[in-house]
Amino acid sequence: MTTLTSHQRQDLIDELPRLKRYCLSLTSDPADADDLLQITVERLLEKGMPADAHVAKWSHRVCKNLWIDEIRSRDVRNRYALSEGVIDGAGTTSANTEESVQLDRVSSAMEQLPAEQRAALVQVAVEGRSYAEAAAFLEVPIGTIMSRVARARKALAANLEWREEREA
């Protein structure tokens, strides 16, 4: 791999808003999303990418891999903390507005989705890509994108319905 060319750097700068939304969709937390974005950009600047790489695809893949690494690290830390009898009492508080409560529900439901379904749903529903564009972007067949999005939507609807019934 080589350092980024000036054209790749400019493409990366242009990709930053979409990459930030992708980070937020993965993490469901603005602070974690900012950290993930920073780590992703640092990694791209440090390690570079192949000269023929598609900057958007490459940056999103690096971001996803870094997030998977972070989740694994957190899982190990949580298991260690539980084995040591440490109780994690830190929680987040949200405003009591209806919108923030609904956003919390959706974010929580999104976290429950498998990573592949969440990525497909984000590309189609959040980024506004067509199924064909999302398939090319994620490098999977279009039918796979369609089924992942359908399953994700069905799971989200069921999860949100279950939460509403539980809270009622």
Foldseek 3Di string as FASTA:
>chain_A
DDADDPVLVVVVVVCLVVQLVLLCLQPVDNVSSVVLSVVLVVCCRVVPDDPPDDNNLVSNVSSVVVSVVVVVVVVVVVVVCVVVVHDPPDDDDDDPDPVVVVSVQLSVLSNPQDPVLSQLLCVCPVVVDDLVVSCVSNVHDSVVSVVSPVVSVVSSVVSSVVVVVVVD
